[in-house]
């Protein structure tokens, strides 16, 4: 059985494989404790293979292109596609920025859809412009466009709220349909993603919800999950519609580790729920982290437009370095002195 150590205590958790196309198993006539025990174990194993589509761990590779030495990973959190409180201009512009910017990619951290259903909150559907089913099929168009350009690394594929309401009320697993034909890892809440970027590998913990929220420190939940739950360098969080990036260094002699927490904000900027509970609106999302390929380097960027500028500048720097290298090679061959242009 595949296993992965995912915390500092050496705790092992099962890595669930991708679902397999397996025929159903026949339930026997159960008449004793022993028969029931055997059936429960067999049914459990079969369900993990045939039904479960989320996993504890995944590894993906994303190498920079266009002569750059870094990528930028955006926490795509709490879009709430379909809800009337969403700033759709901001949502569309930000997703298009990811799609168009070289070396910018994203990870979806749940509540991509609002997915209100009457069985959970009867009034919730009053604030949606589309049914949950319509949200699945309309937003999948955009996901496919991003995926076809290599812009989606992974997603949280199971949590309790919004898209999770359909599963709890009816057994409808929305993300199996939303990500149909989009072959990226769908991780459990708290899943681990090892991201290989050039010569480096960065471990990211993905949380929609955490155990340690603080109203005084928006990054507190992510920091404590890094300390107590997930042995990783970077934590993405969501859910509260708070936006923050925190960069720090953990030092436990003789080890030093650069770390970052990114809470991804929201597109629900006219958020009546936040206003009624906390007296504030949702905070604009699409925060992210820049990762270097040729050295271990982590830097958080709060604003996606600033991240776009930095990614374009990195491409220009790579092009200039290539031009200078060509000039030096030409000079070496011709025996002339090279003049560097800035």
C-alpha atoms as a PDB file:
ATOM      1  CA  UNK A   1       0.000   0.000   0.000  1.00  0.00           C
ATOM      2  CA  UNK A   2       1.346   3.432  -0.913  1.00  0.00           C
ATOM      3  CA  UNK A   3       1.935   5.714   2.053  1.00  0.00           C
ATOM      4  CA  UNK A   4       3.363   9.163   2.608  1.00  0.00           C
ATOM      5  CA  UNK A   5       4.839  10.752   5.733  1.00  0.00           C
ATOM      6  CA  UNK A   6       3.187  14.162   5.882  1.00  0.00           C
ATOM      7  CA  UNK A   7       3.962  15.623   9.287  1.00  0.00           C
ATOM      8  CA  UNK A   8       6.875  16.160  11.630  1.00  0.00           C
ATOM      9  CA  UNK A   9       5.739  13.358  13.934  1.00  0.00           C
ATOM     10  CA  UNK A  10       6.148  10.751  11.216  1.00  0.00           C
ATOM     11  CA  UNK A  11       2.414  10.102  10.901  1.00  0.00           C
ATOM     12  CA  UNK A  12       1.552   8.075   7.809  1.00  0.00           C
ATOM     13  CA  UNK A  13      -1.599   8.523   5.803  1.00  0.00           C
ATOM     14  CA  UNK A  14      -2.891   6.533   2.885  1.00  0.00           C
ATOM     15  CA  UNK A  15      -2.474   8.011  -0.584  1.00  0.00           C
ATOM     16  CA  UNK A  16      -5.746   7.352  -2.352  1.00  0.00           C
ATOM     17  CA  UNK A  17      -5.272   6.336  -5.988  1.00  0.00           C
ATOM     18  CA  UNK A  18      -7.305   7.766  -8.835  1.00  0.00           C
ATOM     19  CA  UNK A  19     -10.710   6.055  -9.236  1.00  0.00           C
ATOM     20  CA  UNK A  20     -10.724   2.946 -11.364  1.00  0.00           C
ATOM     21  CA  UNK A  21     -13.448   1.685 -13.671  1.00  0.00           C
ATOM     22  CA  UNK A  22     -14.428  -1.335 -11.590  1.00  0.00           C
ATOM     23  CA  UNK A  23     -17.625  -3.382 -11.730  1.00  0.00           C
ATOM     24  CA  UNK A  24     -19.780  -3.273  -8.586  1.00  0.00           C
ATOM     25  CA  UNK A  25     -19.245  -5.966  -5.992  1.00  0.00           C
ATOM     26  CA  UNK A  26     -22.165  -8.110  -4.867  1.00  0.00           C
ATOM     27  CA  UNK A  27     -23.239  -7.774  -1.266  1.00  0.00           C
ATOM     28  CA  UNK A  28     -23.564 -11.200   0.355  1.00  0.00           C
ATOM     29  CA  UNK A  29     -26.269 -12.254   2.791  1.00  0.00           C
ATOM     30  CA  UNK A  30     -24.798 -11.221   6.130  1.00  0.00           C
ATOM     31  CA  UNK A  31     -25.709 -13.303   9.165  1.00  0.00           C
ATOM     32  CA  UNK A  32     -22.814 -12.889  11.604  1.00  0.00           C
ATOM     33  CA  UNK A  33     -20.308 -10.380  12.971  1.00  0.00           C
ATOM     34  CA  UNK A  34     -17.442 -12.062  11.107  1.00  0.00           C
ATOM     35  CA  UNK A  35     -19.262 -11.932   7.770  1.00  0.00           C
ATOM     36  CA  UNK A  36     -20.175  -8.285   8.361  1.00  0.00           C
ATOM     37  CA  UNK A  37     -16.551  -7.459   9.231  1.00  0.00           C
ATOM     38  CA  UNK A  38     -15.253  -9.093   6.052  1.00  0.00           C
ATOM     39  CA  UNK A  39     -17.904  -7.329   3.957  1.00  0.00           C
ATOM     40  CA  UNK A  40     -17.180  -3.922   5.509  1.00  0.00           C
ATOM     41  CA  UNK A  41     -13.465  -4.245   4.732  1.00  0.00           C
ATOM     42  CA  UNK A  42     -14.083  -5.480   1.164  1.00  0.00           C
ATOM     43  CA  UNK A  43     -16.616  -2.740   0.513  1.00  0.00           C
ATOM     44  CA  UNK A  44     -14.260  -0.121   1.909  1.00  0.00           C
ATOM     45  CA  UNK A  45     -11.392  -1.173  -0.355  1.00  0.00           C
ATOM     46  CA  UNK A  46     -13.650  -1.330  -3.413  1.00  0.00           C
ATOM     47  CA  UNK A  47     -15.122   2.108  -2.723  1.00  0.00           C
ATOM     48  CA  UNK A  48     -11.672   3.672  -2.376  1.00  0.00           C
ATOM     49  CA  UNK A  49     -10.816   2.408  -5.859  1.00  0.00           C
ATOM     50  CA  UNK A  50     -14.143   2.877  -7.624  1.00  0.00           C
ATOM     51  CA  UNK A  51     -15.704   5.954  -5.998  1.00  0.00           C
ATOM     52  CA  UNK A  52     -13.019   8.063  -4.304  1.00  0.00           C
ATOM     53  CA  UNK A  53     -11.557  10.636  -6.672  1.00  0.00           C
ATOM     54  CA  UNK A  54      -9.687  12.776  -4.139  1.00  0.00           C
ATOM     55  CA  UNK A  55      -6.276  12.006  -2.708  1.00  0.00           C
ATOM     56  CA  UNK A  56      -4.003  12.910   0.198  1.00  0.00           C
ATOM     57  CA  UNK A  57      -0.939  13.585  -1.933  1.00  0.00           C
ATOM     58  CA  UNK A  58       0.119  14.410  -5.459  1.00  0.00           C
ATOM     59  CA  UNK A  59       3.268  15.415  -7.263  1.00  0.00           C
ATOM     60  CA  UNK A  60       3.261  17.708 -10.285  1.00  0.00           C
ATOM     61  CA  UNK A  61       5.934  19.333 -12.438  1.00  0.00           C
ATOM     62  CA  UNK A  62       5.807  22.926 -13.676  1.00  0.00           C
ATOM     63  CA  UNK A  63       8.933  24.279 -15.319  1.00  0.00           C
ATOM     64  CA  UNK A  64       9.291  27.921 -16.351  1.00  0.00           C
ATOM     65  CA  UNK A  65       9.264  28.772 -20.052  1.00  0.00           C
ATOM     66  CA  UNK A  66      10.294  31.760 -22.160  1.00  0.00           C
ATOM     67  CA  UNK A  67      13.833  31.839 -20.698  1.00  0.00           C
ATOM     68  CA  UNK A  68      12.546  32.673 -17.197  1.00  0.00           C
ATOM     69  CA  UNK A  69      13.858  31.055 -13.995  1.00  0.00           C
ATOM     70  CA  UNK A  70      10.657  31.219 -11.925  1.00  0.00           C
ATOM     71  CA  UNK A  71       6.917  30.590 -11.851  1.00  0.00           C
ATOM     72  CA  UNK A  72       4.078  32.250  -9.959  1.00  0.00           C
ATOM     73  CA  UNK A  73       1.374  30.097  -8.329  1.00  0.00           C
ATOM     74  CA  UNK A  74      -1.960  31.786  -7.604  1.00  0.00           C
ATOM     75  CA  UNK A  75      -4.327  30.701  -4.834  1.00  0.00           C
ATOM     76  CA  UNK A  76      -7.642  30.692  -6.734  1.00  0.00           C
ATOM     77  CA  UNK A  77      -9.995  30.760  -3.763  1.00  0.00           C
ATOM     78  CA  UNK A  78     -13.698  31.367  -3.170  1.00  0.00           C
ATOM     79  CA  UNK A  79     -14.784  32.492  -6.629  1.00  0.00           C
ATOM     80  CA  UNK A  80     -18.447  31.616  -5.851  1.00  0.00           C
ATOM     81  CA  UNK A  81     -19.323  31.448  -9.552  1.00  0.00           C
ATOM     82  CA  UNK A  82     -23.067  32.019  -9.954  1.00  0.00           C
ATOM     83  CA  UNK A  83     -23.699  34.145  -6.842  1.00  0.00           C
ATOM     84  CA  UNK A  84     -25.154  37.645  -7.139  1.00  0.00           C
ATOM     85  CA  UNK A  85     -22.557  39.148  -4.748  1.00  0.00           C
ATOM     86  CA  UNK A  86     -19.604  38.331  -7.043  1.00  0.00           C
ATOM     87  CA  UNK A  87     -17.616  41.035  -8.842  1.00  0.00           C
ATOM     88  CA  UNK A  88     -17.623  39.311 -12.238  1.00  0.00           C
ATOM     89  CA  UNK A  89     -15.417  41.923 -13.872  1.00  0.00           C
ATOM     90  CA  UNK A  90     -12.685  41.253 -11.301  1.00  0.00           C
ATOM     91  CA  UNK A  91     -13.165  37.482 -11.600  1.00  0.00           C
ATOM     92  CA  UNK A  92     -12.919  37.443 -15.395  1.00  0.00           C
ATOM     93  CA  UNK A  93      -9.971  39.852 -15.555  1.00  0.00           C
ATOM     94  CA  UNK A  94      -7.996  37.869 -12.959  1.00  0.00           C
ATOM     95  CA  UNK A  95      -8.590  34.500 -14.615  1.00  0.00           C
ATOM     96  CA  UNK A  96      -7.619  36.013 -17.965  1.00  0.00           C
ATOM     97  CA  UNK A  97      -4.426  37.379 -16.403  1.00  0.00           C
ATOM     98  CA  UNK A  98      -3.507  33.847 -15.300  1.00  0.00           C
ATOM     99  CA  UNK A  99      -4.322  32.498 -18.747  1.00  0.00           C
ATOM    100  CA  UNK A 100      -2.292  35.136 -20.619  1.00  0.00           C
ATOM    101  CA  UNK A 101       0.740  35.655 -18.355  1.00  0.00           C
ATOM    102  CA  UNK A 102       3.765  33.422 -19.011  1.00  0.00           C
ATOM    103  CA  UNK A 103       4.755  31.204 -16.071  1.00  0.00           C
ATOM    104  CA  UNK A 104       1.649  32.076 -14.037  1.00  0.00           C
ATOM    105  CA  UNK A 105      -0.425  29.084 -12.908  1.00  0.00           C
ATOM    106  CA  UNK A 106      -3.152  28.442 -10.342  1.00  0.00           C
ATOM    107  CA  UNK A 107      -4.431  26.047  -7.690  1.00  0.00           C
ATOM    108  CA  UNK A 108      -8.160  26.066  -6.910  1.00  0.00           C
ATOM    109  CA  UNK A 109      -8.898  25.884  -3.181  1.00  0.00           C
ATOM    110  CA  UNK A 110     -12.676  25.148  -3.152  1.00  0.00           C
ATOM    111  CA  UNK A 111     -15.825  27.255  -3.378  1.00  0.00           C
ATOM    112  CA  UNK A 112     -15.079  27.696  -7.057  1.00  0.00           C
ATOM    113  CA  UNK A 113     -18.854  27.470  -7.498  1.00  0.00           C
ATOM    114  CA  UNK A 114     -21.456  28.861  -5.124  1.00  0.00           C
ATOM    115  CA  UNK A 115     -23.594  25.734  -5.636  1.00  0.00           C
ATOM    116  CA  UNK A 116     -26.446  26.677  -3.300  1.00  0.00           C
ATOM    117  CA  UNK A 117     -29.159  24.037  -3.057  1.00  0.00           C
ATOM    118  CA  UNK A 118     -32.600  24.262  -1.404  1.00  0.00           C
ATOM    119  CA  UNK A 119     -31.942  21.167   0.726  1.00  0.00           C
ATOM    120  CA  UNK A 120     -29.186  23.002   2.623  1.00  0.00           C
ATOM    121  CA  UNK A 121     -30.162  26.665   2.614  1.00  0.00           C
ATOM    122  CA  UNK A 122     -33.603  27.241   1.044  1.00  0.00           C
ATOM    123  CA  UNK A 123     -32.929  30.979   0.763  1.00  0.00           C
ATOM    124  CA  UNK A 124     -29.488  30.434  -0.812  1.00  0.00           C
ATOM    125  CA  UNK A 125     -30.861  29.887  -4.296  1.00  0.00           C
ATOM    126  CA  UNK A 126     -32.429  33.361  -4.144  1.00  0.00           C
ATOM    127  CA  UNK A 127     -28.922  34.815  -4.391  1.00  0.00           C
ATOM    128  CA  UNK A 128     -27.722  32.718  -7.333  1.00  0.00           C
ATOM    129  CA  UNK A 129     -28.174  33.607 -10.981  1.00  0.00           C
ATOM    130  CA  UNK A 130     -27.741  29.960 -12.032  1.00  0.00           C
ATOM    131  CA  UNK A 131     -28.638  26.583 -10.613  1.00  0.00           C
ATOM    132  CA  UNK A 132     -25.806  24.463  -9.219  1.00  0.00           C
ATOM    133  CA  UNK A 133     -25.981  22.252 -12.324  1.00  0.00           C
ATOM    134  CA  UNK A 134     -25.707  25.254 -14.646  1.00  0.00           C
ATOM    135  CA  UNK A 135     -22.726  26.547 -12.653  1.00  0.00           C
ATOM    136  CA  UNK A 136     -20.893  23.250 -13.210  1.00  0.00           C
ATOM    137  CA  UNK A 137     -21.259  23.229 -16.981  1.00  0.00           C
ATOM    138  CA  UNK A 138     -20.758  26.941 -17.618  1.00  0.00           C
ATOM    139  CA  UNK A 139     -17.624  27.299 -15.490  1.00  0.00           C
ATOM    140  CA  UNK A 140     -16.124  24.092 -16.845  1.00  0.00           C
ATOM    141  CA  UNK A 141     -15.672  25.920 -20.149  1.00  0.00           C
ATOM    142  CA  UNK A 142     -13.247  28.324 -18.448  1.00  0.00           C
ATOM    143  CA  UNK A 143     -11.492  25.547 -16.545  1.00  0.00           C
ATOM    144  CA  UNK A 144     -10.888  23.673 -19.809  1.00  0.00           C
ATOM    145  CA  UNK A 145      -9.469  26.797 -21.418  1.00  0.00           C
ATOM    146  CA  UNK A 146      -7.050  27.254 -18.495  1.00  0.00           C
ATOM    147  CA  UNK A 147      -6.178  23.556 -18.429  1.00  0.00           C
ATOM    148  CA  UNK A 148      -5.484  23.405 -22.161  1.00  0.00           C
ATOM    149  CA  UNK A 149      -2.835  26.112 -21.646  1.00  0.00           C
ATOM    150  CA  UNK A 150      -1.261  24.309 -18.682  1.00  0.00           C
ATOM    151  CA  UNK A 151      -2.536  26.860 -16.178  1.00  0.00           C
ATOM    152  CA  UNK A 152      -4.085  24.579 -13.526  1.00  0.00           C
ATOM    153  CA  UNK A 153      -1.790  22.544 -11.274  1.00  0.00           C
ATOM    154  CA  UNK A 154      -4.299  21.012  -8.841  1.00  0.00           C
ATOM    155  CA  UNK A 155      -7.430  21.679  -6.804  1.00  0.00           C
ATOM    156  CA  UNK A 156      -8.998  20.869  -3.475  1.00  0.00           C
ATOM    157  CA  UNK A 157     -11.686  18.401  -4.517  1.00  0.00           C
ATOM    158  CA  UNK A 158     -13.655  17.860  -1.307  1.00  0.00           C
ATOM    159  CA  UNK A 159     -14.690  20.070   1.618  1.00  0.00           C
ATOM    160  CA  UNK A 160     -17.864  20.602   3.597  1.00  0.00           C
ATOM    161  CA  UNK A 161     -19.355  23.890   2.345  1.00  0.00           C
ATOM    162  CA  UNK A 162     -20.994  25.043  -0.901  1.00  0.00           C
ATOM    163  CA  UNK A 163     -19.994  22.347  -3.433  1.00  0.00           C
ATOM    164  CA  UNK A 164     -19.989  19.968  -0.460  1.00  0.00           C
ATOM    165  CA  UNK A 165     -23.653  20.665   0.288  1.00  0.00           C
ATOM    166  CA  UNK A 166     -24.724  18.699  -2.774  1.00  0.00           C
ATOM    167  CA  UNK A 167     -22.689  15.702  -1.668  1.00  0.00           C
ATOM    168  CA  UNK A 168     -24.054  15.808   1.886  1.00  0.00           C
ATOM    169  CA  UNK A 169     -27.667  16.259   0.843  1.00  0.00           C
ATOM    170  CA  UNK A 170     -27.872  14.077  -2.267  1.00  0.00           C
ATOM    171  CA  UNK A 171     -24.581  12.244  -2.809  1.00  0.00           C
ATOM    172  CA  UNK A 172     -23.848  14.412  -5.867  1.00  0.00           C
ATOM    173  CA  UNK A 173     -20.040  14.752  -6.142  1.00  0.00           C
ATOM    174  CA  UNK A 174     -19.854  17.982  -8.094  1.00  0.00           C
ATOM    175  CA  UNK A 175     -16.121  18.012  -8.788  1.00  0.00           C
ATOM    176  CA  UNK A 176     -16.252  14.699 -10.633  1.00  0.00           C
ATOM    177  CA  UNK A 177     -18.369  16.520 -13.203  1.00  0.00           C
ATOM    178  CA  UNK A 178     -16.694  19.928 -12.965  1.00  0.00           C
ATOM    179  CA  UNK A 179     -13.258  18.429 -13.695  1.00  0.00           C
ATOM    180  CA  UNK A 180     -14.390  15.901 -16.297  1.00  0.00           C
ATOM    181  CA  UNK A 181     -11.685  15.861 -18.953  1.00  0.00           C
ATOM    182  CA  UNK A 182      -9.414  18.044 -16.795  1.00  0.00           C
ATOM    183  CA  UNK A 183      -6.664  15.737 -15.588  1.00  0.00           C
ATOM    184  CA  UNK A 184      -5.264  17.461 -12.501  1.00  0.00           C
ATOM    185  CA  UNK A 185      -4.985  16.100  -8.937  1.00  0.00           C
ATOM    186  CA  UNK A 186      -8.045  16.699  -6.744  1.00  0.00           C
ATOM    187  CA  UNK A 187      -6.827  16.724  -3.166  1.00  0.00           C
ATOM    188  CA  UNK A 188      -8.608  16.374   0.139  1.00  0.00           C
ATOM    189  CA  UNK A 189      -8.808  19.382   2.432  1.00  0.00           C
ATOM    190  CA  UNK A 190      -5.351  19.319   4.020  1.00  0.00           C
ATOM    191  CA  UNK A 191      -3.810  17.435   1.097  1.00  0.00           C
ATOM    192  CA  UNK A 192      -0.150  17.802   0.164  1.00  0.00           C
ATOM    193  CA  UNK A 193       1.199  18.835  -3.250  1.00  0.00           C
ATOM    194  CA  UNK A 194       4.878  18.391  -4.093  1.00  0.00           C
ATOM    195  CA  UNK A 195       5.579  20.883  -6.873  1.00  0.00           C
ATOM    196  CA  UNK A 196       8.765  20.378  -8.900  1.00  0.00           C
ATOM    197  CA  UNK A 197      10.046  23.591 -10.481  1.00  0.00           C
ATOM    198  CA  UNK A 198      13.256  23.073 -12.414  1.00  0.00           C
ATOM    199  CA  UNK A 199      15.893  21.862  -9.938  1.00  0.00           C
ATOM    200  CA  UNK A 200      13.718  22.573  -6.873  1.00  0.00           C
ATOM    201  CA  UNK A 201      10.772  20.862  -5.195  1.00  0.00           C
ATOM    202  CA  UNK A 202       8.355  22.846  -3.028  1.00  0.00           C
ATOM    203  CA  UNK A 203       5.809  21.211  -0.711  1.00  0.00           C
ATOM    204  CA  UNK A 204       2.436  22.979  -0.521  1.00  0.00           C
ATOM    205  CA  UNK A 205      -0.324  22.218   1.994  1.00  0.00           C
ATOM    206  CA  UNK A 206      -3.804  22.949   0.621  1.00  0.00           C
ATOM    207  CA  UNK A 207      -6.534  23.899   3.080  1.00  0.00           C
ATOM    208  CA  UNK A 208      -9.959  25.328   2.434  1.00  0.00           C
ATOM    209  CA  UNK A 209     -10.717  25.305   6.155  1.00  0.00           C
ATOM    210  CA  UNK A 210      -8.276  24.993   9.047  1.00  0.00           C
ATOM    211  CA  UNK A 211      -8.577  24.497  12.808  1.00  0.00           C
ATOM    212  CA  UNK A 212      -6.793  27.630  13.981  1.00  0.00           C
ATOM    213  CA  UNK A 213      -8.481  30.754  12.631  1.00  0.00           C
ATOM    214  CA  UNK A 214      -7.704  34.122  14.219  1.00  0.00           C
ATOM    215  CA  UNK A 215      -9.617  37.342  13.626  1.00  0.00           C
ATOM    216  CA  UNK A 216      -6.479  39.300  14.587  1.00  0.00           C
ATOM    217  CA  UNK A 217      -4.019  37.513  12.268  1.00  0.00           C
ATOM    218  CA  UNK A 218      -5.361  36.359   8.904  1.00  0.00           C
ATOM    219  CA  UNK A 219      -2.393  34.068   8.316  1.00  0.00           C
ATOM    220  CA  UNK A 220      -2.544  32.410  11.737  1.00  0.00           C
ATOM    221  CA  UNK A 221      -4.537  29.386  10.558  1.00  0.00           C
ATOM    222  CA  UNK A 222      -2.017  28.579   7.843  1.00  0.00           C
ATOM    223  CA  UNK A 223       0.971  29.072  10.150  1.00  0.00           C
ATOM    224  CA  UNK A 224      -0.453  26.728  12.791  1.00  0.00           C
ATOM    225  CA  UNK A 225      -1.350  24.061  10.220  1.00  0.00           C
ATOM    226  CA  UNK A 226       2.286  24.204   9.097  1.00  0.00           C
ATOM    227  CA  UNK A 227       3.464  23.806  12.697  1.00  0.00           C
ATOM    228  CA  UNK A 228       1.049  21.100  13.800  1.00  0.00           C
ATOM    229  CA  UNK A 229      -0.448  19.252  10.836  1.00  0.00           C
ATOM    230  CA  UNK A 230       1.427  19.541   7.551  1.00  0.00           C
ATOM    231  CA  UNK A 231       5.193  19.307   7.126  1.00  0.00           C
ATOM    232  CA  UNK A 232       5.406  21.730   4.219  1.00  0.00           C
ATOM    233  CA  UNK A 233       6.983  25.011   3.141  1.00  0.00           C
ATOM    234  CA  UNK A 234       3.896  26.759   1.810  1.00  0.00           C
ATOM    235  CA  UNK A 235       0.261  26.737   2.938  1.00  0.00           C
ATOM    236  CA  UNK A 236      -2.692  27.944   0.866  1.00  0.00           C
ATOM    237  CA  UNK A 237      -5.901  28.705   2.799  1.00  0.00           C
ATOM    238  CA  UNK A 238      -9.359  29.990   1.850  1.00  0.00           C
ATOM    239  CA  UNK A 239     -12.962  30.035   3.186  1.00  0.00           C
ATOM    240  CA  UNK A 240     -13.054  33.227   5.279  1.00  0.00           C
ATOM    241  CA  UNK A 241     -12.713  35.586   2.288  1.00  0.00           C
ATOM    242  CA  UNK A 242      -9.630  37.104   3.946  1.00  0.00           C
ATOM    243  CA  UNK A 243      -6.640  38.050   1.805  1.00  0.00           C
ATOM    244  CA  UNK A 244      -3.097  37.964   3.170  1.00  0.00           C
ATOM    245  CA  UNK A 245       0.405  36.848   2.245  1.00  0.00           C
ATOM    246  CA  UNK A 246       3.028  36.072   4.892  1.00  0.00           C
ATOM    247  CA  UNK A 247       6.668  35.184   4.289  1.00  0.00           C
ATOM    248  CA  UNK A 248       8.804  33.862   7.151  1.00  0.00           C
ATOM    249  CA  UNK A 249      11.764  31.651   8.018  1.00  0.00           C
ATOM    250  CA  UNK A 250      11.557  28.778  10.472  1.00  0.00           C
ATOM    251  CA  UNK A 251      14.782  28.041  12.329  1.00  0.00           C
ATOM    252  CA  UNK A 252      15.306  24.915  14.396  1.00  0.00           C
ATOM    253  CA  UNK A 253      19.052  24.459  14.743  1.00  0.00           C
ATOM    254  CA  UNK A 254      20.685  23.241  12.566  1.00  0.00           C
ATOM    255  CA  UNK A 255      17.823  23.534  10.075  1.00  0.00           C
ATOM    256  CA  UNK A 256      16.462  26.664   8.426  1.00  0.00           C
ATOM    257  CA  UNK A 257      13.370  26.646   6.186  1.00  0.00           C
ATOM    258  CA  UNK A 258      11.787  29.474   4.193  1.00  0.00           C
ATOM    259  CA  UNK A 259       7.995  29.343   4.496  1.00  0.00           C
ATOM    260  CA  UNK A 260       4.938  31.205   3.238  1.00  0.00           C
ATOM    261  CA  UNK A 261       1.211  31.398   3.941  1.00  0.00           C
ATOM    262  CA  UNK A 262      -1.225  32.635   1.299  1.00  0.00           C
ATOM    263  CA  UNK A 263      -4.890  33.263   2.174  1.00  0.00           C
ATOM    264  CA  UNK A 264      -6.622  33.705  -1.137  1.00  0.00           C
ATOM    265  CA  UNK A 265      -9.408  36.247  -0.593  1.00  0.00           C
ATOM    266  CA  UNK A 266     -12.520  36.017  -2.774  1.00  0.00           C
ATOM    267  CA  UNK A 267     -14.401  37.343  -5.793  1.00  0.00           C
ATOM    268  CA  UNK A 268     -17.502  37.820  -3.602  1.00  0.00           C
ATOM    269  CA  UNK A 269     -16.659  41.483  -3.028  1.00  0.00           C
ATOM    270  CA  UNK A 270     -20.237  42.628  -2.270  1.00  0.00           C
ATOM    271  CA  UNK A 271     -20.543  39.903   0.330  1.00  0.00           C
ATOM    272  CA  UNK A 272     -23.765  40.199   2.348  1.00  0.00           C
ATOM    273  CA  UNK A 273     -22.737  37.153   4.421  1.00  0.00           C
ATOM    274  CA  UNK A 274     -19.471  38.791   5.531  1.00  0.00           C
ATOM    275  CA  UNK A 275     -21.225  42.100   6.076  1.00  0.00           C
ATOM    276  CA  UNK A 276     -23.906  40.554   8.309  1.00  0.00           C
ATOM    277  CA  UNK A 277     -21.407  38.471  10.312  1.00  0.00           C
ATOM    278  CA  UNK A 278     -18.352  40.722  10.581  1.00  0.00           C
ATOM    279  CA  UNK A 279     -19.366  44.104   9.231  1.00  0.00           C
ATOM    280  CA  UNK A 280     -16.941  43.863   6.296  1.00  0.00           C
ATOM    281  CA  UNK A 281     -17.054  42.916   2.616  1.00  0.00           C
ATOM    282  CA  UNK A 282     -15.008  40.157   1.034  1.00  0.00           C
ATOM    283  CA  UNK A 283     -11.369  40.999   0.284  1.00  0.00           C
ATOM    284  CA  UNK A 284     -10.161  40.776  -3.354  1.00  0.00           C
ATOM    285  CA  UNK A 285      -8.390  37.482  -4.004  1.00  0.00           C
ATOM    286  CA  UNK A 286      -5.817  35.896  -6.357  1.00  0.00           C
ATOM    287  CA  UNK A 287      -2.844  36.207  -3.996  1.00  0.00           C
ATOM    288  CA  UNK A 288       0.121  33.969  -4.822  1.00  0.00           C
ATOM    289  CA  UNK A 289       3.690  32.860  -4.358  1.00  0.00           C
ATOM    290  CA  UNK A 290       6.671  33.078  -6.730  1.00  0.00           C
ATOM    291  CA  UNK A 291       8.978  30.031  -6.822  1.00  0.00           C
ATOM    292  CA  UNK A 292      12.464  29.897  -8.334  1.00  0.00           C
ATOM    293  CA  UNK A 293      13.652  27.005 -10.492  1.00  0.00           C
ATOM    294  CA  UNK A 294      17.446  27.379 -10.305  1.00  0.00           C
ATOM    295  CA  UNK A 295      17.698  27.972  -6.538  1.00  0.00           C
ATOM    296  CA  UNK A 296      15.454  27.591  -3.525  1.00  0.00           C
ATOM    297  CA  UNK A 297      13.502  30.816  -3.477  1.00  0.00           C
ATOM    298  CA  UNK A 298      10.017  31.754  -2.237  1.00  0.00           C
ATOM    299  CA  UNK A 299       8.401  35.179  -2.417  1.00  0.00           C
ATOM    300  CA  UNK A 300       4.770  36.094  -1.844  1.00  0.00           C
ATOM    301  CA  UNK A 301       2.929  38.620  -4.014  1.00  0.00           C
ATOM    302  CA  UNK A 302      -0.361  40.086  -2.824  1.00  0.00           C
ATOM    303  CA  UNK A 303      -1.637  41.670  -6.033  1.00  0.00           C
ATOM    304  CA  UNK A 304      -2.077  39.618  -9.202  1.00  0.00           C
ATOM    305  CA  UNK A 305      -1.364  42.605 -11.466  1.00  0.00           C
ATOM    306  CA  UNK A 306       1.966  43.119  -9.685  1.00  0.00           C
ATOM    307  CA  UNK A 307       2.700  39.417 -10.108  1.00  0.00           C
ATOM    308  CA  UNK A 308       1.991  39.785 -13.829  1.00  0.00           C
ATOM    309  CA  UNK A 309       4.552  42.609 -14.077  1.00  0.00           C
ATOM    310  CA  UNK A 310       7.146  40.540 -12.216  1.00  0.00           C
ATOM    311  CA  UNK A 311       6.618  37.520 -14.457  1.00  0.00           C
ATOM    312  CA  UNK A 312       6.953  39.635 -17.606  1.00  0.00           C
ATOM    313  CA  UNK A 313      10.083  41.299 -16.191  1.00  0.00           C
ATOM    314  CA  UNK A 314      11.575  37.858 -15.494  1.00  0.00           C
ATOM    315  CA  UNK A 315      11.017  36.895 -19.136  1.00  0.00           C
ATOM    316  CA  UNK A 316      12.731  40.113 -20.283  1.00  0.00           C
ATOM    317  CA  UNK A 317      15.665  39.424 -17.961  1.00  0.00           C
ATOM    318  CA  UNK A 318      16.005  35.925 -19.400  1.00  0.00           C
ATOM    319  CA  UNK A 319      15.960  37.291 -22.947  1.00  0.00           C
ATOM    320  CA  UNK A 320      18.625  39.896 -22.103  1.00  0.00           C
ATOM    321  CA  UNK A 321      20.867  37.271 -20.531  1.00  0.00           C
ATOM    322  CA  UNK A 322      20.560  35.122 -23.640  1.00  0.00           C
ATOM    323  CA  UNK A 323      21.444  38.095 -25.878  1.00  0.00           C
ATOM    324  CA  UNK A 324      24.493  38.897 -23.737  1.00  0.00           C
ATOM    325  CA  UNK A 325      25.605  35.261 -23.849  1.00  0.00           C
ATOM    326  CA  UNK A 326      25.279  35.276 -27.658  1.00  0.00           C
ATOM    327  CA  UNK A 327      27.290  38.502 -27.889  1.00  0.00           C
ATOM    328  CA  UNK A 328      30.056  36.992 -25.745  1.00  0.00           C
ATOM    329  CA  UNK A 329      30.129  33.849 -27.870  1.00  0.00           C
ATOM    330  CA  UNK A 330      30.316  35.906 -31.073  1.00  0.00           C
ATOM    331  CA  UNK A 331      33.104  38.013 -29.586  1.00  0.00           C
ATOM    332  CA  UNK A 332      34.996  34.893 -28.506  1.00  0.00           C
ATOM    333  CA  UNK A 333      34.800  33.448 -32.003  1.00  0.00           C
ATOM    334  CA  UNK A 334      35.741  36.711 -33.732  1.00  0.00           C
ATOM    335  CA  UNK A 335      38.360  37.721 -31.171  1.00  0.00           C
ATOM    336  CA  UNK A 336      36.674  41.096 -30.517  1.00  0.00           C
ATOM    337  CA  UNK A 337      35.934  42.612 -27.128  1.00  0.00           C
ATOM    338  CA  UNK A 338      32.286  42.305 -26.119  1.00  0.00           C
ATOM    339  CA  UNK A 339      30.358  45.402 -25.067  1.00  0.00           C
ATOM    340  CA  UNK A 340      27.475  44.790 -22.663  1.00  0.00           C
ATOM    341  CA  UNK A 341      24.302  46.781 -23.359  1.00  0.00           C
ATOM    342  CA  UNK A 342      21.878  47.660 -20.575  1.00  0.00           C
END
